[in-house]
N, C-alpha and C. Protein backbone atom coordinates (compact mmCIF):
# COMPACT_ATOMS: atom_id res chain seq x y z
N MET A 1 42.01 112.90 118.53
CA MET A 1 40.43 112.68 117.98
C MET A 1 40.14 111.76 118.90
N ASP A 2 40.15 111.33 119.97
CA ASP A 2 39.41 110.41 120.69
C ASP A 2 38.36 111.09 121.14
N TYR A 3 39.01 112.51 121.89
CA TYR A 3 38.07 113.70 122.45
C TYR A 3 36.69 113.67 121.66
N VAL A 4 37.12 113.88 120.06
CA VAL A 4 35.43 114.13 119.22
C VAL A 4 34.68 113.12 118.86
N SER A 5 35.00 111.49 118.49
CA SER A 5 33.98 110.94 119.09
C SER A 5 33.27 110.76 120.30
N ALA A 6 34.44 111.00 121.13
CA ALA A 6 33.39 110.67 122.83
C ALA A 6 32.43 111.82 122.39
N LEU A 7 32.58 113.09 122.51
CA LEU A 7 31.62 114.34 122.35
C LEU A 7 29.71 114.18 121.19
N VAL A 8 30.75 113.65 119.90
CA VAL A 8 29.60 113.96 118.74
C VAL A 8 28.50 112.80 119.41
N PRO A 9 28.81 111.53 120.49
CA PRO A 9 26.89 111.01 120.35
C PRO A 9 26.21 111.96 121.45
N PRO A 10 26.56 112.55 122.65
CA PRO A 10 26.00 113.15 123.11
C PRO A 10 25.38 114.49 122.77
N VAL A 11 26.33 115.32 121.81
CA VAL A 11 26.08 116.19 121.52
C VAL A 11 25.27 116.19 120.58
N VAL A 12 24.94 114.79 119.98
CA VAL A 12 23.60 114.82 118.97
C VAL A 12 22.90 114.14 119.62
N MET A 13 22.21 113.66 120.28
CA MET A 13 21.49 113.01 121.26
C MET A 13 21.00 114.63 121.57
N ALA A 14 21.46 115.69 122.45
CA ALA A 14 21.17 116.71 123.21
C ALA A 14 20.28 117.63 121.78
N VAL A 15 21.30 117.66 121.09
CA VAL A 15 20.23 118.23 119.78
C VAL A 15 18.87 118.09 119.66
N PHE A 16 18.84 116.46 119.61
CA PHE A 16 17.68 115.99 118.88
C PHE A 16 16.63 116.30 120.17
N PHE A 17 17.14 116.16 121.31
CA PHE A 17 16.14 116.20 122.53
C PHE A 17 15.72 117.29 122.70
N ILE A 18 16.65 118.61 122.62
CA ILE A 18 16.30 119.78 122.09
C ILE A 18 14.64 120.29 121.53
N GLY A 19 15.56 119.58 119.86
CA GLY A 19 14.08 119.58 118.99
C GLY A 19 12.98 119.04 119.53
N VAL A 20 12.64 117.36 120.13
CA VAL A 20 12.09 117.25 120.28
C VAL A 20 11.14 117.71 121.34
N ILE A 21 11.91 118.72 122.49
CA ILE A 21 10.54 119.30 123.49
C ILE A 21 10.77 120.58 122.48
N ARG A 22 11.09 121.18 121.38
CA ARG A 22 10.41 122.70 121.03
C ARG A 22 9.21 122.17 120.29
N VAL A 23 9.16 120.78 119.91
CA VAL A 23 8.09 120.42 119.15
C VAL A 23 6.70 120.61 119.83
N ILE A 24 7.29 120.07 121.25
CA ILE A 24 6.00 119.60 122.39
C ILE A 24 5.64 120.84 122.42
N VAL A 25 6.37 121.41 122.85
CA VAL A 25 5.75 123.17 123.44
C VAL A 25 4.78 123.85 122.17
N LYS A 26 5.91 123.95 121.15
CA LYS A 26 5.17 124.23 119.56
C LYS A 26 3.46 124.13 120.14
N THR A 27 3.47 122.60 120.25
CA THR A 27 2.09 121.95 119.68
C THR A 27 1.55 122.22 120.68
N GLN A 28 1.39 122.81 121.93
CA GLN A 28 0.49 122.89 122.91
C GLN A 28 -0.21 124.07 122.66
N GLY A 29 -1.11 124.24 122.81
CA GLY A 29 -2.10 125.42 122.90
C GLY A 29 -2.97 125.08 121.08
N GLY A 30 -2.93 126.67 121.29
CA GLY A 30 -3.58 126.97 119.86
C GLY A 30 -5.07 126.51 119.58
N ALA A 31 -5.24 126.88 118.34
CA ALA A 31 -6.68 126.52 117.46
C ALA A 31 -7.35 125.46 118.13
N ASN A 32 -6.60 124.28 118.03
CA ASN A 32 -6.82 123.38 118.37
C ASN A 32 -6.65 122.55 119.87
N LYS A 33 -6.74 123.36 120.61
CA LYS A 33 -6.39 122.94 122.35
C LYS A 33 -8.25 122.54 122.64
N ALA A 34 -9.04 123.09 122.49
CA ALA A 34 -10.31 122.70 123.07
C ALA A 34 -11.03 121.73 122.56
N LYS A 35 -10.45 121.31 121.70
CA LYS A 35 -10.98 119.86 120.75
C LYS A 35 -10.35 118.88 120.68
N GLU A 36 -8.55 119.32 120.54
CA GLU A 36 -7.88 117.97 122.04
C GLU A 36 -8.52 117.70 123.27
N ASP A 37 -8.44 118.57 124.07
CA ASP A 37 -8.81 118.93 125.51
C ASP A 37 -10.33 117.73 125.43
N ALA A 38 -11.50 117.96 124.96
CA ALA A 38 -12.38 117.44 124.39
C ALA A 38 -12.48 116.20 124.00
N ALA A 39 -11.76 115.68 122.91
CA ALA A 39 -10.98 114.33 122.52
C ALA A 39 -10.69 113.98 124.05
N VAL A 40 -10.19 113.77 124.93
CA VAL A 40 -8.98 113.44 126.14
C VAL A 40 -10.02 113.05 127.19
N ASP A 41 -10.95 114.21 127.57
CA ASP A 41 -12.01 114.00 127.83
C ASP A 41 -13.24 112.56 128.02
N ALA A 42 -13.57 112.74 126.66
CA ALA A 42 -14.20 111.68 126.31
C ALA A 42 -13.80 110.47 126.40
N ALA A 43 -12.25 110.28 125.56
CA ALA A 43 -11.79 109.02 126.13
C ALA A 43 -11.86 108.53 127.63
N ILE A 44 -11.61 109.72 128.58
CA ILE A 44 -11.06 109.02 130.07
C ILE A 44 -12.77 108.77 130.55
N ALA A 45 -13.69 109.57 129.72
CA ALA A 45 -15.07 109.10 130.46
C ALA A 45 -15.01 107.68 129.66
N HIS A 46 -15.42 107.59 129.03
CA HIS A 46 -15.52 105.96 127.91
C HIS A 46 -14.40 104.96 129.19
N ALA A 47 -13.23 105.29 129.25
CA ALA A 47 -12.44 103.99 129.90
C ALA A 47 -13.05 104.18 131.44
N GLU A 48 -13.37 104.82 132.28
CA GLU A 48 -13.95 104.71 133.46
C GLU A 48 -15.20 104.02 133.29
N GLY A 49 -15.24 104.60 132.14
CA GLY A 49 -17.09 103.52 131.86
C GLY A 49 -17.22 102.15 132.25
N ALA A 50 -16.47 101.87 131.18
CA ALA A 50 -16.12 100.46 130.85
C ALA A 50 -15.01 100.09 131.70
N ARG A 51 -14.28 100.54 133.02
CA ARG A 51 -13.91 100.12 134.00
C ARG A 51 -14.87 99.92 134.86
N GLN A 52 -15.84 100.54 134.99
CA GLN A 52 -17.12 100.36 135.95
C GLN A 52 -17.78 99.09 135.94
N GLY A 53 -17.96 98.77 134.57
CA GLY A 53 -18.86 97.60 133.80
C GLY A 53 -20.10 98.24 133.93
N PRO A 54 -20.71 97.40 133.56
CA PRO A 54 -22.40 97.46 133.22
C PRO A 54 -23.50 97.87 134.61
N ALA A 55 -24.58 98.40 135.00
CA ALA A 55 -25.09 98.37 136.11
C ALA A 55 -25.86 97.67 136.30
N ARG A 56 -26.00 96.88 138.04
CA ARG A 56 -26.67 95.69 138.16
C ARG A 56 -28.12 96.12 138.76
N THR A 57 -28.63 95.35 138.07
CA THR A 57 -30.10 95.85 138.47
C THR A 57 -31.13 94.54 139.16
N ASP A 58 -31.07 94.60 140.47
CA ASP A 58 -31.53 93.59 142.00
C ASP A 58 -32.79 93.78 141.48
N GLY A 59 -33.79 93.02 140.85
CA GLY A 59 -35.18 93.59 141.20
C GLY A 59 -35.82 92.27 141.06
């Protein structure tokens, strides 16, 4: 019975991993894809703007 106890953890982890992958694949695209893409683009633009800092005006 040692082989059963040795195989249970990898099998359980494989089942959970497959479940996570299925959830990720199912949630890609769909009706909210454009809204999610717009939110990500806005967040990236905000982060890039914050990284560049305020514009300097020497005058």
